[in-house]
Amino acid sequence: MRVVLADDALLVREGLSRVLAHAGVDVVASVGDLEELLAAVEAEQPDIAIVDIRMPPGYRDEGIQAAARLAQSHPDLGVLVLSQYVEPNYAAELIAASPGRRGYLLKERILHQDQLLQAMERIDAGETVVDPSVVDAAIATSRPSGRLGVLTDRELEVLHLIAQGLTDRGICDRLVLSPKTVATHTQHIFNKLGLPASSHDNRRVHAVLTYMEPH
């Protein structure tokens, strides 16, 4: 797997580079700002870009901006945003820009190398990965009212796991449910949230975006 790193903190870049290299990941570029990131992706054509959420020039949401721009120029590129902010709106914006190959993880919760590598593998496989703490923050603000109020507790639980990026198989394993039961809950969620079947829209992504909307 070929990876580009983008973080304005030299020690963070060097630390990540060493961790990934030790795990056999090929770090093809390590840069410090948004424009350098875009240039490195163009030059190196990596599989994944790992980016800090705030970088020069503005130290606002450059990581999210980068993901949106790369979705247009390099749609097959995976992007993993590392953040110190438990902010559902950032994660929702990231997912909205691309229906797959995206991840939003909190730096302080990456305690082991395997957590990072597993997230990268899932993103490279086309999945979406969102830190559970961000999902928890979304449900804390969303449950009292709004569109999610029509869901049962079990449906909210299933949607919570969908928002983390789990597949139906992963939800089956986590909740000890049959595939048929999970499929039924998922269909009920789509119906209640008014997400009709479409060949162009990923209903799982739209369900996650609804879940993360402020209510």
C-alpha atoms as a PDB file:
ATOM      1  CA  MET A   1       0.000   0.000   0.000  1.00  0.00           C
ATOM      2  CA  ARG A   2       1.344   3.406  -1.025  1.00  0.00           C
ATOM      3  CA  VAL A   3       0.608   6.299   1.336  1.00  0.00           C
ATOM      4  CA  VAL A   4       1.066  10.078   1.400  1.00  0.00           C
ATOM      5  CA  LEU A   5       1.182  11.781   4.825  1.00  0.00           C
ATOM      6  CA  ALA A   6       0.173  15.392   5.436  1.00  0.00           C
ATOM      7  CA  ASP A   7       0.618  17.075   8.827  1.00  0.00           C
ATOM      8  CA  ASP A   8       2.210  20.408   9.691  1.00  0.00           C
ATOM      9  CA  ALA A   9       3.887  18.898  12.782  1.00  0.00           C
ATOM     10  CA  LEU A  10       7.237  17.375  11.833  1.00  0.00           C
ATOM     11  CA  LEU A  11       7.325  15.000  14.804  1.00  0.00           C
ATOM     12  CA  VAL A  12       3.867  13.672  13.970  1.00  0.00           C
ATOM     13  CA  ARG A  13       4.869  13.056  10.351  1.00  0.00           C
ATOM     14  CA  GLU A  14       8.085  11.340  11.351  1.00  0.00           C
ATOM     15  CA  GLY A  15       6.329   9.235  13.973  1.00  0.00           C
ATOM     16  CA  LEU A  16       3.620   8.086  11.567  1.00  0.00           C
ATOM     17  CA  SER A  17       6.174   7.400   8.856  1.00  0.00           C
ATOM     18  CA  ARG A  18       8.163   5.121  11.146  1.00  0.00           C
ATOM     19  CA  VAL A  19       5.088   3.276  12.399  1.00  0.00           C
ATOM     20  CA  LEU A  20       3.816   2.673   8.884  1.00  0.00           C
ATOM     21  CA  ALA A  21       7.208   1.736   7.470  1.00  0.00           C
ATOM     22  CA  HIS A  22       7.665  -0.787  10.297  1.00  0.00           C
ATOM     23  CA  ALA A  23       4.323  -2.331   9.279  1.00  0.00           C
ATOM     24  CA  GLY A  24       5.430  -2.641   5.660  1.00  0.00           C
ATOM     25  CA  VAL A  25       3.529   0.373   4.317  1.00  0.00           C
ATOM     26  CA  ASP A  26       5.281   2.389   1.623  1.00  0.00           C
ATOM     27  CA  VAL A  27       5.204   6.071   2.638  1.00  0.00           C
ATOM     28  CA  VAL A  28       5.911   7.737  -0.698  1.00  0.00           C
ATOM     29  CA  ALA A  29       5.669  11.356   0.493  1.00  0.00           C
ATOM     30  CA  SER A  30       5.441  13.306   3.745  1.00  0.00           C
ATOM     31  CA  VAL A  31       4.305  16.942   3.514  1.00  0.00           C
ATOM     32  CA  GLY A  32       3.238  19.825   5.728  1.00  0.00           C
ATOM     33  CA  ASP A  33       0.407  21.721   4.052  1.00  0.00           C
ATOM     34  CA  LEU A  34      -2.598  21.461   1.766  1.00  0.00           C
ATOM     35  CA  GLU A  35      -0.967  22.486  -1.516  1.00  0.00           C
ATOM     36  CA  GLU A  36       2.014  20.180  -0.935  1.00  0.00           C
ATOM     37  CA  LEU A  37      -0.447  17.356  -0.276  1.00  0.00           C
ATOM     38  CA  LEU A  38      -2.305  17.910  -3.543  1.00  0.00           C
ATOM     39  CA  ALA A  39       0.986  18.070  -5.456  1.00  0.00           C
ATOM     40  CA  ALA A  40       2.286  14.893  -3.782  1.00  0.00           C
ATOM     41  CA  VAL A  41      -0.882  12.973  -4.628  1.00  0.00           C
ATOM     42  CA  GLU A  42      -0.617  14.077  -8.249  1.00  0.00           C
ATOM     43  CA  ALA A  43       3.049  13.085  -8.447  1.00  0.00           C
ATOM     44  CA  GLU A  44       2.977   9.823  -6.489  1.00  0.00           C
ATOM     45  CA  GLN A  45      -0.535   8.432  -7.172  1.00  0.00           C
ATOM     46  CA  PRO A  46      -0.826   6.775  -3.727  1.00  0.00           C
ATOM     47  CA  ASP A  47      -3.556   4.421  -2.532  1.00  0.00           C
ATOM     48  CA  ILE A  48      -4.321   6.469   0.587  1.00  0.00           C
ATOM     49  CA  ALA A  49      -3.657   9.974   1.884  1.00  0.00           C
ATOM     50  CA  ILE A  50      -3.494  10.377   5.666  1.00  0.00           C
ATOM     51  CA  VAL A  51      -4.123  14.022   6.513  1.00  0.00           C
ATOM     52  CA  ASP A  52      -4.402  16.221   9.569  1.00  0.00           C
ATOM     53  CA  ILE A  53      -7.679  18.095   9.778  1.00  0.00           C
ATOM     54  CA  ARG A  54      -5.993  21.477  10.327  1.00  0.00           C
ATOM     55  CA  MET A  55      -2.940  22.501   8.340  1.00  0.00           C
ATOM     56  CA  PRO A  56      -1.476  25.596   6.709  1.00  0.00           C
ATOM     57  CA  PRO A  57      -2.453  27.943   5.270  1.00  0.00           C
ATOM     58  CA  GLY A  58      -5.573  28.556   7.365  1.00  0.00           C
ATOM     59  CA  TYR A  59      -5.462  25.976  10.178  1.00  0.00           C
ATOM     60  CA  ARG A  60      -9.222  25.475   9.856  1.00  0.00           C
ATOM     61  CA  ASP A  61     -10.477  22.380   8.012  1.00  0.00           C
ATOM     62  CA  GLU A  62      -7.849  21.845   5.327  1.00  0.00           C
ATOM     63  CA  GLY A  63      -8.060  18.069   5.705  1.00  0.00           C
ATOM     64  CA  ILE A  64     -11.766  18.138   4.836  1.00  0.00           C
ATOM     65  CA  GLN A  65     -11.100  20.552   1.969  1.00  0.00           C
ATOM     66  CA  ALA A  66      -8.396  18.238   0.640  1.00  0.00           C
ATOM     67  CA  ALA A  67     -10.722  15.231   0.740  1.00  0.00           C
ATOM     68  CA  ALA A  68     -13.393  17.115  -1.220  1.00  0.00           C
ATOM     69  CA  ARG A  69     -10.933  18.273  -3.872  1.00  0.00           C
ATOM     70  CA  LEU A  70      -9.360  14.825  -4.165  1.00  0.00           C
ATOM     71  CA  ALA A  71     -12.794  13.241  -4.584  1.00  0.00           C
ATOM     72  CA  GLN A  72     -13.010  15.177  -7.840  1.00  0.00           C
ATOM     73  CA  SER A  73      -9.463  14.759  -9.119  1.00  0.00           C
ATOM     74  CA  HIS A  74      -8.661  11.284  -7.737  1.00  0.00           C
ATOM     75  CA  PRO A  75     -11.956   9.463  -7.015  1.00  0.00           C
ATOM     76  CA  ASP A  76     -10.254   6.127  -6.300  1.00  0.00           C
ATOM     77  CA  LEU A  77      -7.943   7.574  -3.643  1.00  0.00           C
ATOM     78  CA  GLY A  78      -8.658   6.736  -0.014  1.00  0.00           C
ATOM     79  CA  VAL A  79      -8.459   9.599   2.492  1.00  0.00           C
ATOM     80  CA  LEU A  80      -8.055   9.150   6.247  1.00  0.00           C
ATOM     81  CA  VAL A  81      -8.480  12.355   8.241  1.00  0.00           C
ATOM     82  CA  LEU A  82      -6.860  12.403  11.676  1.00  0.00           C
ATOM     83  CA  SER A  83      -8.353  14.907  14.087  1.00  0.00           C
ATOM     84  CA  GLN A  84      -8.333  15.972  17.704  1.00  0.00           C
ATOM     85  CA  TYR A  85     -11.932  17.191  17.424  1.00  0.00           C
ATOM     86  CA  VAL A  86     -15.006  15.121  18.340  1.00  0.00           C
ATOM     87  CA  GLU A  87     -17.070  16.956  15.751  1.00  0.00           C
ATOM     88  CA  PRO A  88     -19.815  15.072  13.861  1.00  0.00           C
ATOM     89  CA  ASN A  89     -20.199  17.937  11.366  1.00  0.00           C
ATOM     90  CA  TYR A  90     -16.629  17.487  10.147  1.00  0.00           C
ATOM     91  CA  ALA A  91     -17.157  13.750   9.688  1.00  0.00           C
ATOM     92  CA  ALA A  92     -20.491  14.321   7.937  1.00  0.00           C
ATOM     93  CA  GLU A  93     -18.896  16.815   5.535  1.00  0.00           C
ATOM     94  CA  LEU A  94     -16.110  14.344   4.796  1.00  0.00           C
ATOM     95  CA  ILE A  95     -18.564  11.556   3.971  1.00  0.00           C
ATOM     96  CA  ALA A  96     -20.809  13.847   1.951  1.00  0.00           C
ATOM     97  CA  ALA A  97     -17.941  14.636  -0.419  1.00  0.00           C
ATOM     98  CA  SER A  98     -17.420  10.954  -1.242  1.00  0.00           C
ATOM     99  CA  PRO A  99     -19.567   7.881  -0.543  1.00  0.00           C
ATOM    100  CA  GLY A 100     -16.624   5.581   0.163  1.00  0.00           C
ATOM    101  CA  ARG A 101     -12.898   5.313   0.826  1.00  0.00           C
ATOM    102  CA  ARG A 102     -13.064   7.840   3.652  1.00  0.00           C
ATOM    103  CA  GLY A 103     -12.152   7.750   7.324  1.00  0.00           C
ATOM    104  CA  TYR A 104     -12.320  10.121  10.294  1.00  0.00           C
ATOM    105  CA  LEU A 105     -10.371   9.037  13.380  1.00  0.00           C
ATOM    106  CA  LEU A 106      -9.407  10.815  16.571  1.00  0.00           C
ATOM    107  CA  LYS A 107      -5.659  10.958  17.130  1.00  0.00           C
ATOM    108  CA  GLU A 108      -5.891  10.372  20.854  1.00  0.00           C
ATOM    109  CA  ARG A 109      -7.886   7.158  20.376  1.00  0.00           C
ATOM    110  CA  ILE A 110      -5.352   5.471  18.115  1.00  0.00           C
ATOM    111  CA  LEU A 111      -3.639   3.521  20.853  1.00  0.00           C
ATOM    112  CA  HIS A 112      -2.246   0.658  18.807  1.00  0.00           C
ATOM    113  CA  GLN A 113      -0.680   0.303  15.381  1.00  0.00           C
ATOM    114  CA  ASP A 114      -3.292  -2.271  14.372  1.00  0.00           C
ATOM    115  CA  GLN A 115      -6.139   0.242  14.802  1.00  0.00           C
ATOM    116  CA  LEU A 116      -4.576   2.518  12.215  1.00  0.00           C
ATOM    117  CA  LEU A 117      -3.683  -0.282   9.830  1.00  0.00           C
ATOM    118  CA  GLN A 118      -7.139  -1.867  10.002  1.00  0.00           C
ATOM    119  CA  ALA A 119      -8.771   1.484   9.269  1.00  0.00           C
ATOM    120  CA  MET A 120      -6.467   1.957   6.281  1.00  0.00           C
ATOM    121  CA  GLU A 121      -7.259  -1.521   4.960  1.00  0.00           C
ATOM    122  CA  ARG A 122     -10.998  -0.886   5.224  1.00  0.00           C
ATOM    123  CA  ILE A 123     -10.701   2.471   3.481  1.00  0.00           C
ATOM    124  CA  ASP A 124      -8.559   0.940   0.731  1.00  0.00           C
ATOM    125  CA  ALA A 125     -11.297  -1.696   0.281  1.00  0.00           C
ATOM    126  CA  GLY A 126     -13.850   1.064  -0.343  1.00  0.00           C
ATOM    127  CA  GLU A 127     -15.397   1.328   3.113  1.00  0.00           C
ATOM    128  CA  THR A 128     -16.108   4.333   5.333  1.00  0.00           C
ATOM    129  CA  VAL A 129     -14.630   4.450   8.848  1.00  0.00           C
ATOM    130  CA  VAL A 130     -15.779   6.886  11.549  1.00  0.00           C
ATOM    131  CA  ASP A 131     -14.421   6.969  15.094  1.00  0.00           C
ATOM    132  CA  PRO A 132     -17.030   5.614  17.558  1.00  0.00           C
ATOM    133  CA  SER A 133     -16.625   8.690  19.764  1.00  0.00           C
ATOM    134  CA  VAL A 134     -17.763  10.910  16.904  1.00  0.00           C
ATOM    135  CA  VAL A 135     -20.774   8.679  16.335  1.00  0.00           C
ATOM    136  CA  ASP A 136     -21.581   8.803  20.055  1.00  0.00           C
ATOM    137  CA  ALA A 137     -21.454  12.595  19.942  1.00  0.00           C
ATOM    138  CA  ALA A 138     -23.867  12.563  16.998  1.00  0.00           C
ATOM    139  CA  ILE A 139     -26.421  10.418  18.801  1.00  0.00           C
ATOM    140  CA  ALA A 140     -26.136  12.533  21.947  1.00  0.00           C
ATOM    141  CA  THR A 141     -27.336  15.577  20.033  1.00  0.00           C
ATOM    142  CA  SER A 142     -29.655  13.835  17.580  1.00  0.00           C
ATOM    143  CA  ARG A 143     -31.844  11.515  19.615  1.00  0.00           C
ATOM    144  CA  PRO A 144     -34.241  13.884  21.421  1.00  0.00           C
ATOM    145  CA  SER A 145     -35.931  15.171  18.270  1.00  0.00           C
ATOM    146  CA  GLY A 146     -35.774  15.310  14.516  1.00  0.00           C
ATOM    147  CA  ARG A 147     -35.968  12.561  11.920  1.00  0.00           C
ATOM    148  CA  LEU A 148     -34.240  10.014  14.142  1.00  0.00           C
ATOM    149  CA  GLY A 149     -37.109  10.172  16.601  1.00  0.00           C
ATOM    150  CA  VAL A 150     -39.068   7.720  14.416  1.00  0.00           C
ATOM    151  CA  LEU A 151     -36.509   4.945  14.916  1.00  0.00           C
ATOM    152  CA  THR A 152     -36.735   2.266  17.581  1.00  0.00           C
ATOM    153  CA  ASP A 153     -33.900   1.715  20.046  1.00  0.00           C
ATOM    154  CA  ARG A 154     -32.710  -1.342  18.094  1.00  0.00           C
ATOM    155  CA  GLU A 155     -32.832   0.575  14.796  1.00  0.00           C
ATOM    156  CA  LEU A 156     -30.795   3.380  16.350  1.00  0.00           C
ATOM    157  CA  GLU A 157     -28.305   0.792  17.544  1.00  0.00           C
ATOM    158  CA  VAL A 158     -27.973  -0.619  14.034  1.00  0.00           C
ATOM    159  CA  LEU A 159     -27.666   2.885  12.548  1.00  0.00           C
ATOM    160  CA  HIS A 160     -25.002   3.684  15.144  1.00  0.00           C
ATOM    161  CA  LEU A 161     -22.918   0.781  13.795  1.00  0.00           C
ATOM    162  CA  ILE A 162     -23.618   1.694  10.173  1.00  0.00           C
ATOM    163  CA  ALA A 163     -22.290   5.173  10.990  1.00  0.00           C
ATOM    164  CA  GLN A 164     -19.077   3.604  12.261  1.00  0.00           C
ATOM    165  CA  GLY A 165     -18.671   1.979   8.852  1.00  0.00           C
ATOM    166  CA  LEU A 166     -19.568  -1.584   9.781  1.00  0.00           C
ATOM    167  CA  THR A 167     -20.937  -3.862   7.077  1.00  0.00           C
ATOM    168  CA  ASP A 168     -24.055  -5.980   7.636  1.00  0.00           C
ATOM    169  CA  ARG A 169     -21.772  -8.890   8.519  1.00  0.00           C
ATOM    170  CA  GLY A 170     -19.953  -6.760  11.069  1.00  0.00           C
ATOM    171  CA  ILE A 171     -23.263  -5.648  12.593  1.00  0.00           C
ATOM    172  CA  CYS A 172     -24.393  -9.282  12.807  1.00  0.00           C
ATOM    173  CA  ASP A 173     -21.246 -10.160  14.729  1.00  0.00           C
ATOM    174  CA  ARG A 174     -21.408  -7.134  17.034  1.00  0.00           C
ATOM    175  CA  LEU A 175     -25.092  -7.509  17.976  1.00  0.00           C
ATOM    176  CA  VAL A 176     -25.276 -11.313  17.653  1.00  0.00           C
ATOM    177  CA  LEU A 177     -28.102 -11.097  15.122  1.00  0.00           C
ATOM    178  CA  SER A 178     -28.851 -13.075  11.979  1.00  0.00           C
ATOM    179  CA  PRO A 179     -28.154 -11.509   8.563  1.00  0.00           C
ATOM    180  CA  LYS A 180     -31.901 -11.537   7.846  1.00  0.00           C
ATOM    181  CA  THR A 181     -32.657  -9.604  11.054  1.00  0.00           C
ATOM    182  CA  VAL A 182     -29.983  -6.997  10.333  1.00  0.00           C
ATOM    183  CA  ALA A 183     -31.245  -6.620   6.757  1.00  0.00           C
ATOM    184  CA  THR A 184     -34.784  -6.087   8.079  1.00  0.00           C
ATOM    185  CA  HIS A 185     -33.659  -3.421  10.570  1.00  0.00           C
ATOM    186  CA  THR A 186     -31.615  -1.702   7.863  1.00  0.00           C
ATOM    187  CA  GLN A 187     -34.556  -1.638   5.468  1.00  0.00           C
ATOM    188  CA  HIS A 188     -36.812  -0.201   8.185  1.00  0.00           C
ATOM    189  CA  ILE A 189     -34.235   2.532   8.820  1.00  0.00           C
ATOM    190  CA  PHE A 190     -34.116   3.457   5.139  1.00  0.00           C
ATOM    191  CA  ASN A 191     -37.909   3.495   4.889  1.00  0.00           C
ATOM    192  CA  LYS A 192     -38.445   5.582   8.021  1.00  0.00           C
ATOM    193  CA  LEU A 193     -35.801   8.110   6.995  1.00  0.00           C
ATOM    194  CA  GLY A 194     -37.360   8.418   3.540  1.00  0.00           C
ATOM    195  CA  LEU A 195     -34.389   7.021   1.623  1.00  0.00           C
ATOM    196  CA  PRO A 196     -35.804   5.239  -1.439  1.00  0.00           C
ATOM    197  CA  ALA A 197     -33.777   2.743  -3.429  1.00  0.00           C
ATOM    198  CA  SER A 198     -31.708   4.341  -6.172  1.00  0.00           C
ATOM    199  CA  SER A 199     -29.011   3.158  -8.530  1.00  0.00           C
ATOM    200  CA  HIS A 200     -27.179   6.448  -8.036  1.00  0.00           C
ATOM    201  CA  ASP A 201     -27.322   7.021  -4.276  1.00  0.00           C
ATOM    202  CA  ASN A 202     -25.742   5.028  -1.474  1.00  0.00           C
ATOM    203  CA  ARG A 203     -28.522   4.831   1.101  1.00  0.00           C
ATOM    204  CA  ARG A 204     -26.148   3.778   3.844  1.00  0.00           C
ATOM    205  CA  VAL A 205     -24.174   6.981   3.342  1.00  0.00           C
ATOM    206  CA  HIS A 206     -27.321   9.113   3.334  1.00  0.00           C
ATOM    207  CA  ALA A 207     -28.517   7.374   6.496  1.00  0.00           C
ATOM    208  CA  VAL A 208     -25.207   8.189   8.189  1.00  0.00           C
ATOM    209  CA  LEU A 209     -25.442  11.828   7.069  1.00  0.00           C
ATOM    210  CA  THR A 210     -28.969  12.023   8.494  1.00  0.00           C
ATOM    211  CA  TYR A 211     -27.671  10.503  11.708  1.00  0.00           C
ATOM    212  CA  MET A 212     -24.964  13.144  12.009  1.00  0.00           C
ATOM    213  CA  GLU A 213     -27.144  16.131  11.194  1.00  0.00           C
ATOM    214  CA  PRO A 214     -27.726  18.532  14.119  1.00  0.00           C
ATOM    215  CA  HIS A 215     -31.345  18.299  15.320  1.00  0.00           C
END
